[in-house]
C-alpha atoms as a PDB file:
ATOM      1  CA  MET A   1     -34.019 -83.656 -44.356  1.00  0.00           C
ATOM      2  CA  LEU A   2     -31.286 -81.077 -45.017  1.00  0.00           C
ATOM      3  CA  LEU A   3     -28.530 -83.070 -43.274  1.00  0.00           C
ATOM      4  CA  SER A   4     -28.632 -86.715 -42.354  1.00  0.00           C
ATOM      5  CA  VAL A   5     -25.691 -88.554 -40.723  1.00  0.00           C
ATOM      6  CA  ARG A   6     -25.648 -92.239 -39.882  1.00  0.00           C
ATOM      7  CA  SER A   7     -23.015 -94.216 -37.970  1.00  0.00           C
ATOM      8  CA  LEU A   8     -20.318 -91.727 -39.031  1.00  0.00           C
ATOM      9  CA  THR A   9     -16.800 -92.827 -38.110  1.00  0.00           C
ATOM     10  CA  ARG A  10     -13.390 -91.465 -38.972  1.00  0.00           C
ATOM     11  CA  ARG A  11     -10.152 -93.098 -37.966  1.00  0.00           C
ATOM     12  CA  PHE A  12      -6.600 -91.751 -38.224  1.00  0.00           C
ATOM     13  CA  GLY A  13      -4.445 -94.880 -37.991  1.00  0.00           C
ATOM     14  CA  THR A  14      -5.314 -96.480 -34.644  1.00  0.00           C
ATOM     15  CA  ARG A  15      -7.029 -93.372 -33.293  1.00  0.00           C
ATOM     16  CA  THR A  16     -10.809 -92.932 -33.733  1.00  0.00           C
ATOM     17  CA  ALA A  17     -11.601 -89.202 -34.005  1.00  0.00           C
ATOM     18  CA  VAL A  18     -15.340 -89.571 -34.759  1.00  0.00           C
ATOM     19  CA  SER A  19     -17.228 -92.636 -33.587  1.00  0.00           C
ATOM     20  CA  GLY A  20     -20.661 -93.739 -34.734  1.00  0.00           C
ATOM     21  CA  VAL A  21     -22.267 -90.263 -34.886  1.00  0.00           C
ATOM     22  CA  ASP A  22     -25.962 -90.036 -35.900  1.00  0.00           C
ATOM     23  CA  LEU A  23     -27.397 -86.580 -36.608  1.00  0.00           C
ATOM     24  CA  ASP A  24     -30.427 -85.206 -38.405  1.00  0.00           C
ATOM     25  CA  VAL A  25     -30.811 -81.471 -39.114  1.00  0.00           C
ATOM     26  CA  ARG A  26     -33.914 -80.050 -40.804  1.00  0.00           C
ATOM     27  CA  THR A  27     -33.947 -76.680 -42.537  1.00  0.00           C
ATOM     28  CA  GLY A  28     -34.080 -73.910 -39.951  1.00  0.00           C
ATOM     29  CA  GLU A  29     -33.074 -76.288 -37.095  1.00  0.00           C
ATOM     30  CA  SER A  30     -29.455 -75.242 -36.488  1.00  0.00           C
ATOM     31  CA  VAL A  31     -27.265 -77.276 -34.131  1.00  0.00           C
ATOM     32  CA  ALA A  32     -24.333 -76.311 -31.860  1.00  0.00           C
ATOM     33  CA  VAL A  33     -21.580 -78.883 -31.316  1.00  0.00           C
ATOM     34  CA  PHE A  34     -19.826 -78.814 -27.927  1.00  0.00           C
ATOM     35  CA  GLY A  35     -17.081 -80.854 -26.344  1.00  0.00           C
ATOM     36  CA  GLY A  36     -13.573 -80.696 -24.923  1.00  0.00           C
ATOM     37  CA  ASN A  37     -10.330 -80.456 -26.873  1.00  0.00           C
ATOM     38  CA  GLY A  38      -9.809 -83.543 -29.022  1.00  0.00           C
ATOM     39  CA  ALA A  39     -13.497 -84.560 -28.768  1.00  0.00           C
ATOM     40  CA  GLY A  40     -13.832 -84.736 -32.559  1.00  0.00           C
ATOM     41  CA  LYS A  41     -15.730 -81.477 -33.210  1.00  0.00           C
ATOM     42  CA  SER A  42     -13.544 -80.071 -36.001  1.00  0.00           C
ATOM     43  CA  THR A  43     -13.124 -83.509 -37.563  1.00  0.00           C
ATOM     44  CA  LEU A  44     -16.951 -83.853 -37.662  1.00  0.00           C
ATOM     45  CA  LEU A  45     -17.248 -80.519 -39.546  1.00  0.00           C
ATOM     46  CA  ARG A  46     -14.482 -81.563 -42.000  1.00  0.00           C
ATOM     47  CA  LEU A  47     -16.418 -84.738 -42.688  1.00  0.00           C
ATOM     48  CA  LEU A  48     -19.644 -82.829 -43.204  1.00  0.00           C
ATOM     49  CA  SER A  49     -17.949 -80.374 -45.610  1.00  0.00           C
ATOM     50  CA  GLY A  50     -16.413 -83.209 -47.610  1.00  0.00           C
ATOM     51  CA  THR A  51     -12.885 -82.030 -46.877  1.00  0.00           C
ATOM     52  CA  ILE A  52     -12.017 -85.548 -45.575  1.00  0.00           C
ATOM     53  CA  ARG A  53     -13.633 -88.908 -46.232  1.00  0.00           C
ATOM     54  CA  ALA A  54     -15.346 -91.030 -43.591  1.00  0.00           C
ATOM     55  CA  SER A  55     -13.880 -94.389 -42.595  1.00  0.00           C
ATOM     56  CA  SER A  56     -17.437 -95.700 -42.409  1.00  0.00           C
ATOM     57  CA  GLY A  57     -20.987 -94.471 -42.157  1.00  0.00           C
ATOM     58  CA  THR A  58     -22.919 -92.047 -44.384  1.00  0.00           C
ATOM     59  CA  ILE A  59     -23.575 -88.339 -44.822  1.00  0.00           C
ATOM     60  CA  ALA A  60     -26.385 -86.946 -46.988  1.00  0.00           C
ATOM     61  CA  ILE A  61     -26.842 -83.203 -47.655  1.00  0.00           C
ATOM     62  CA  ALA A  62     -30.301 -82.810 -49.223  1.00  0.00           C
ATOM     63  CA  GLY A  63     -29.934 -86.465 -50.237  1.00  0.00           C
ATOM     64  CA  GLU A  64     -26.464 -86.051 -51.836  1.00  0.00           C
ATOM     65  CA  PRO A  65     -22.961 -87.159 -50.483  1.00  0.00           C
ATOM     66  CA  PRO A  66     -20.955 -84.178 -49.284  1.00  0.00           C
ATOM     67  CA  ARG A  67     -18.182 -84.525 -51.875  1.00  0.00           C
ATOM     68  CA  SER A  68     -20.643 -84.340 -54.828  1.00  0.00           C
ATOM     69  CA  PRO A  69     -20.971 -81.125 -56.817  1.00  0.00           C
ATOM     70  CA  ALA A  70     -24.638 -80.854 -55.854  1.00  0.00           C
ATOM     71  CA  ALA A  71     -23.854 -80.985 -52.163  1.00  0.00           C
ATOM     72  CA  ARG A  72     -20.888 -78.654 -52.396  1.00  0.00           C
ATOM     73  CA  SER A  73     -23.131 -75.982 -53.958  1.00  0.00           C
ATOM     74  CA  ARG A  74     -25.347 -76.274 -50.848  1.00  0.00           C
ATOM     75  CA  ILE A  75     -22.545 -75.753 -48.274  1.00  0.00           C
ATOM     76  CA  GLY A  76     -20.728 -72.731 -46.950  1.00  0.00           C
ATOM     77  CA  VAL A  77     -17.783 -73.115 -44.598  1.00  0.00           C
ATOM     78  CA  VAL A  78     -16.208 -70.801 -42.043  1.00  0.00           C
ATOM     79  CA  ALA A  79     -13.129 -72.482 -40.627  1.00  0.00           C
ATOM     80  CA  HIS A  80     -10.055 -71.531 -38.570  1.00  0.00           C
ATOM     81  CA  GLN A  81      -8.349 -70.580 -41.821  1.00  0.00           C
ATOM     82  CA  THR A  82     -10.185 -67.785 -43.636  1.00  0.00           C
ATOM     83  CA  LEU A  83      -9.683 -69.478 -47.086  1.00  0.00           C
ATOM     84  CA  LEU A  84      -9.191 -65.979 -48.513  1.00  0.00           C
ATOM     85  CA  TYR A  85      -6.474 -64.691 -50.877  1.00  0.00           C
ATOM     86  CA  ASP A  86      -4.453 -62.188 -48.821  1.00  0.00           C
ATOM     87  CA  ASP A  87      -3.283 -60.118 -51.746  1.00  0.00           C
ATOM     88  CA  LEU A  88      -6.769 -59.667 -53.204  1.00  0.00           C
ATOM     89  CA  THR A  89      -9.157 -57.015 -51.876  1.00  0.00           C
ATOM     90  CA  ALA A  90     -12.242 -57.995 -49.985  1.00  0.00           C
ATOM     91  CA  ILE A  91     -14.450 -57.354 -53.011  1.00  0.00           C
ATOM     92  CA  GLU A  92     -12.095 -59.268 -55.350  1.00  0.00           C
ATOM     93  CA  ASN A  93     -12.149 -62.250 -53.062  1.00  0.00           C
ATOM     94  CA  LEU A  94     -15.897 -62.368 -52.904  1.00  0.00           C
ATOM     95  CA  VAL A  95     -16.350 -61.797 -56.625  1.00  0.00           C
ATOM     96  CA  PHE A  96     -13.890 -64.623 -57.326  1.00  0.00           C
ATOM     97  CA  PHE A  97     -15.729 -67.080 -55.114  1.00  0.00           C
ATOM     98  CA  GLY A  98     -19.112 -65.842 -56.426  1.00  0.00           C
ATOM     99  CA  ARG A  99     -18.043 -66.609 -59.966  1.00  0.00           C
ATOM    100  CA  LEU A 100     -16.841 -70.103 -58.930  1.00  0.00           C
ATOM    101  CA  HIS A 101     -20.328 -70.792 -57.606  1.00  0.00           C
ATOM    102  CA  GLY A 102     -22.086 -69.308 -60.658  1.00  0.00           C
ATOM    103  CA  VAL A 103     -23.628 -66.366 -58.819  1.00  0.00           C
ATOM    104  CA  ALA A 104     -25.541 -64.231 -61.326  1.00  0.00           C
ATOM    105  CA  ASP A 105     -24.302 -60.845 -60.046  1.00  0.00           C
ATOM    106  CA  PRO A 106     -21.218 -61.626 -58.020  1.00  0.00           C
ATOM    107  CA  GLU A 107     -20.147 -57.997 -57.466  1.00  0.00           C
ATOM    108  CA  GLY A 108     -23.629 -56.907 -56.387  1.00  0.00           C
ATOM    109  CA  ARG A 109     -23.920 -59.861 -54.010  1.00  0.00           C
ATOM    110  CA  ALA A 110     -20.364 -59.195 -52.678  1.00  0.00           C
ATOM    111  CA  ARG A 111     -21.048 -55.532 -51.975  1.00  0.00           C
ATOM    112  CA  ALA A 112     -24.362 -56.286 -50.263  1.00  0.00           C
ATOM    113  CA  LEU A 113     -22.681 -58.837 -47.926  1.00  0.00           C
ATOM    114  CA  LEU A 114     -19.751 -56.487 -47.088  1.00  0.00           C
ATOM    115  CA  ASP A 115     -22.268 -53.727 -46.272  1.00  0.00           C
ATOM    116  CA  ARG A 116     -24.198 -56.097 -44.066  1.00  0.00           C
ATOM    117  CA  LEU A 117     -21.021 -56.974 -42.210  1.00  0.00           C
ATOM    118  CA  GLY A 118     -19.880 -53.367 -41.789  1.00  0.00           C
ATOM    119  CA  LEU A 119     -17.032 -53.598 -44.265  1.00  0.00           C
ATOM    120  CA  ALA A 120     -18.314 -51.604 -47.213  1.00  0.00           C
ATOM    121  CA  SER A 121     -15.756 -48.859 -46.669  1.00  0.00           C
ATOM    122  CA  ARG A 122     -12.887 -51.433 -46.778  1.00  0.00           C
ATOM    123  CA  ALA A 123     -14.137 -53.313 -49.886  1.00  0.00           C
ATOM    124  CA  GLY A 124     -11.172 -52.122 -51.944  1.00  0.00           C
ATOM    125  CA  ASP A 125      -8.451 -52.912 -49.399  1.00  0.00           C
ATOM    126  CA  PRO A 126      -6.348 -56.076 -49.515  1.00  0.00           C
ATOM    127  CA  VAL A 127      -7.409 -58.718 -47.002  1.00  0.00           C
ATOM    128  CA  ARG A 128      -3.842 -58.929 -45.612  1.00  0.00           C
ATOM    129  CA  SER A 129      -4.344 -55.419 -44.162  1.00  0.00           C
ATOM    130  CA  PHE A 130      -7.355 -56.480 -42.110  1.00  0.00           C
ATOM    131  CA  SER A 131      -7.447 -57.482 -38.440  1.00  0.00           C
ATOM    132  CA  ARG A 132      -8.302 -61.073 -37.612  1.00  0.00           C
ATOM    133  CA  GLY A 133     -11.866 -60.078 -36.751  1.00  0.00           C
ATOM    134  CA  MET A 134     -12.326 -58.296 -40.078  1.00  0.00           C
ATOM    135  CA  GLN A 135     -10.870 -61.228 -41.996  1.00  0.00           C
ATOM    136  CA  GLN A 136     -13.328 -63.553 -40.204  1.00  0.00           C
ATOM    137  CA  ARG A 137     -16.227 -61.349 -41.309  1.00  0.00           C
ATOM    138  CA  VAL A 138     -14.991 -61.448 -44.903  1.00  0.00           C
ATOM    139  CA  SER A 139     -14.726 -65.245 -44.482  1.00  0.00           C
ATOM    140  CA  LEU A 140     -18.398 -65.334 -43.489  1.00  0.00           C
ATOM    141  CA  ALA A 141     -19.275 -63.252 -46.513  1.00  0.00           C
ATOM    142  CA  ARG A 142     -17.311 -65.708 -48.711  1.00  0.00           C
ATOM    143  CA  ALA A 143     -19.259 -68.627 -47.176  1.00  0.00           C
ATOM    144  CA  LEU A 144     -22.553 -66.894 -47.817  1.00  0.00           C
ATOM    145  CA  VAL A 145     -21.840 -65.492 -51.292  1.00  0.00           C
ATOM    146  CA  HIS A 146     -23.758 -68.304 -53.079  1.00  0.00           C
ATOM    147  CA  ALA A 147     -26.614 -68.338 -50.481  1.00  0.00           C
ATOM    148  CA  PRO A 148     -26.048 -71.926 -49.332  1.00  0.00           C
ATOM    149  CA  PRO A 149     -28.802 -73.647 -47.398  1.00  0.00           C
ATOM    150  CA  LEU A 150     -26.208 -75.181 -45.000  1.00  0.00           C
ATOM    151  CA  LEU A 151     -23.411 -73.273 -43.231  1.00  0.00           C
ATOM    152  CA  LEU A 152     -20.673 -75.090 -41.283  1.00  0.00           C
ATOM    153  CA  LEU A 153     -18.872 -72.908 -38.738  1.00  0.00           C
ATOM    154  CA  ASP A 154     -15.807 -73.951 -36.788  1.00  0.00           C
ATOM    155  CA  GLU A 155     -15.228 -71.575 -33.772  1.00  0.00           C
ATOM    156  CA  PRO A 156     -16.330 -68.528 -35.820  1.00  0.00           C
ATOM    157  CA  GLY A 157     -16.069 -66.143 -32.848  1.00  0.00           C
ATOM    158  CA  THR A 158     -12.306 -66.593 -32.507  1.00  0.00           C
ATOM    159  CA  GLY A 159     -10.558 -63.223 -32.709  1.00  0.00           C
ATOM    160  CA  LEU A 160     -13.727 -61.152 -32.806  1.00  0.00           C
ATOM    161  CA  ASP A 161     -14.256 -58.158 -30.464  1.00  0.00           C
ATOM    162  CA  ALA A 162     -17.711 -57.404 -29.127  1.00  0.00           C
ATOM    163  CA  ALA A 163     -18.652 -55.181 -32.056  1.00  0.00           C
ATOM    164  CA  SER A 164     -17.418 -57.653 -34.689  1.00  0.00           C
ATOM    165  CA  ARG A 165     -19.196 -60.529 -32.888  1.00  0.00           C
ATOM    166  CA  ARG A 166     -22.411 -58.552 -32.933  1.00  0.00           C
ATOM    167  CA  ARG A 167     -22.211 -57.901 -36.656  1.00  0.00           C
ATOM    168  CA  PHE A 168     -21.300 -61.539 -37.253  1.00  0.00           C
ATOM    169  CA  HIS A 169     -24.332 -62.727 -35.361  1.00  0.00           C
ATOM    170  CA  GLU A 170     -26.587 -60.184 -37.113  1.00  0.00           C
ATOM    171  CA  ALA A 171     -25.364 -61.505 -40.457  1.00  0.00           C
ATOM    172  CA  LEU A 172     -26.187 -65.019 -39.377  1.00  0.00           C
ATOM    173  CA  ALA A 173     -29.636 -63.969 -38.281  1.00  0.00           C
ATOM    174  CA  GLN A 174     -30.248 -62.399 -41.709  1.00  0.00           C
ATOM    175  CA  ALA A 175     -28.972 -65.556 -43.395  1.00  0.00           C
ATOM    176  CA  SER A 176     -31.328 -67.595 -41.244  1.00  0.00           C
ATOM    177  CA  ALA A 177     -34.235 -65.402 -42.347  1.00  0.00           C
ATOM    178  CA  SER A 178     -33.253 -66.293 -45.909  1.00  0.00           C
ATOM    179  CA  GLY A 179     -33.425 -69.971 -45.157  1.00  0.00           C
ATOM    180  CA  THR A 180     -29.806 -70.790 -44.152  1.00  0.00           C
ATOM    181  CA  THR A 181     -29.273 -73.477 -41.462  1.00  0.00           C
ATOM    182  CA  TRP A 182     -25.966 -74.056 -39.721  1.00  0.00           C
ATOM    183  CA  VAL A 183     -23.923 -76.459 -37.626  1.00  0.00           C
ATOM    184  CA  ILE A 184     -21.552 -74.522 -35.400  1.00  0.00           C
ATOM    185  CA  VAL A 185     -18.603 -75.802 -33.309  1.00  0.00           C
ATOM    186  CA  THR A 186     -17.935 -73.608 -30.317  1.00  0.00           C
ATOM    187  CA  HIS A 187     -16.467 -73.772 -26.800  1.00  0.00           C
ATOM    188  CA  THR A 188     -18.819 -70.961 -25.687  1.00  0.00           C
ATOM    189  CA  VAL A 189     -22.107 -72.250 -24.295  1.00  0.00           C
ATOM    190  CA  GLU A 190     -23.743 -68.823 -24.409  1.00  0.00           C
ATOM    191  CA  GLU A 191     -22.801 -68.244 -28.056  1.00  0.00           C
ATOM    192  CA  GLY A 192     -23.884 -71.685 -29.177  1.00  0.00           C
ATOM    193  CA  LEU A 193     -27.258 -71.598 -27.442  1.00  0.00           C
ATOM    194  CA  SER A 194     -27.949 -68.015 -28.642  1.00  0.00           C
ATOM    195  CA  LEU A 195     -27.513 -69.158 -32.243  1.00  0.00           C
ATOM    196  CA  CYS A 196     -29.008 -72.688 -32.108  1.00  0.00           C
ATOM    197  CA  PRO A 197     -32.171 -74.317 -30.765  1.00  0.00           C
ATOM    198  CA  ARG A 198     -30.377 -77.671 -30.381  1.00  0.00           C
ATOM    199  CA  TRP A 199     -27.001 -78.923 -29.234  1.00  0.00           C
ATOM    200  CA  ILE A 200     -24.961 -82.102 -29.110  1.00  0.00           C
ATOM    201  CA  PHE A 201     -22.012 -82.874 -26.872  1.00  0.00           C
ATOM    202  CA  LEU A 202     -19.127 -84.979 -28.121  1.00  0.00           C
ATOM    203  CA  ARG A 203     -16.816 -87.063 -25.971  1.00  0.00           C
ATOM    204  CA  ASN A 204     -14.135 -89.260 -27.534  1.00  0.00           C
ATOM    205  CA  GLY A 205     -15.693 -88.699 -30.932  1.00  0.00           C
ATOM    206  CA  ALA A 206     -19.164 -89.969 -29.955  1.00  0.00           C
ATOM    207  CA  VAL A 207     -22.374 -88.111 -29.101  1.00  0.00           C
ATOM    208  CA  ALA A 208     -22.469 -88.368 -25.321  1.00  0.00           C
ATOM    209  CA  ASP A 209     -25.428 -86.045 -24.784  1.00  0.00           C
ATOM    210  CA  ALA A 210     -27.880 -83.813 -26.671  1.00  0.00           C
ATOM    211  CA  GLY A 211     -30.551 -81.299 -25.782  1.00  0.00           C
ATOM    212  CA  THR A 212     -32.224 -77.915 -26.410  1.00  0.00           C
ATOM    213  CA  GLY A 213     -32.248 -74.542 -24.738  1.00  0.00           C
ATOM    214  CA  ARG A 214     -34.520 -75.726 -21.963  1.00  0.00           C
ATOM    215  CA  ALA A 215     -33.238 -74.821 -18.493  1.00  0.00           C
ATOM    216  CA  GLU A 216     -32.647 -78.416 -17.481  1.00  0.00           C
ATOM    217  CA  ASP A 217     -30.779 -79.179 -20.717  1.00  0.00           C
ATOM    218  CA  VAL A 218     -28.612 -76.058 -20.361  1.00  0.00           C
ATOM    219  CA  LEU A 219     -27.704 -77.020 -16.792  1.00  0.00           C
ATOM    220  CA  ARG A 220     -26.689 -80.471 -17.972  1.00  0.00           C
ATOM    221  CA  LEU A 221     -24.608 -78.991 -20.808  1.00  0.00           C
ATOM    222  CA  GLN A 222     -22.842 -76.601 -18.407  1.00  0.00           C
ATOM    223  CA  GLU A 223     -22.029 -79.586 -16.165  1.00  0.00           C
ATOM    224  CA  ARG A 224     -20.641 -81.471 -19.166  1.00  0.00           C
ATOM    225  CA  MET A 225     -18.515 -78.552 -20.232  1.00  0.00           C
ATOM    226  CA  ALA A 226     -17.180 -78.106 -16.699  1.00  0.00           C
ATOM    227  CA  GLU A 227     -16.022 -81.735 -16.744  1.00  0.00           C
ATOM    228  CA  VAL A 228     -13.787 -81.138 -19.763  1.00  0.00           C
ATOM    229  CA  SER A 229     -12.569 -77.652 -19.046  1.00  0.00           C
END
């Protein structure tokens, strides 16, 4: 099992942000996470990435806790913040992160990813000069630079125009062909279902529903989303 979550709970003072979540994700079986504002979606991803600790429950990534070095090497994260250094160029950012992860040829890997994402001609430009959509594509390249088996994405389509979104999805598809699995938080039903064969719906931090891309499941998900919109 690539990702195994049991009774996962996170409290902030008296508020419970994630409540008793169970989730199993096998390699190649990506999952979309839906829910209204404040449902616990982003907190769940922060727990999975090891950014914050659980109040109770367990997370195992290929059998390892998320804050362990072994698990961190298996995770890539695309969050609201790009986690890039604005004054470095795109290629410098990716080479830096590639070296941190021990990538054998960080510059070659970085250039291949930038080419895949349509940014090869801007490789030498500082990230601060990029549009939000371009920065998000570099952020995806950063998350993929060490070829992690698990990718965690928090609203990755934010700020992307149609062309950037298409390139972003194409890069995900190529990553999937190389064995990458992901958990994606999104408000967009169409995007989530186009990228994932499974979905879960959070309400008040708990899994209130789950399903697949079957017509009856999609209808139920749309009804759930309408309730919280």
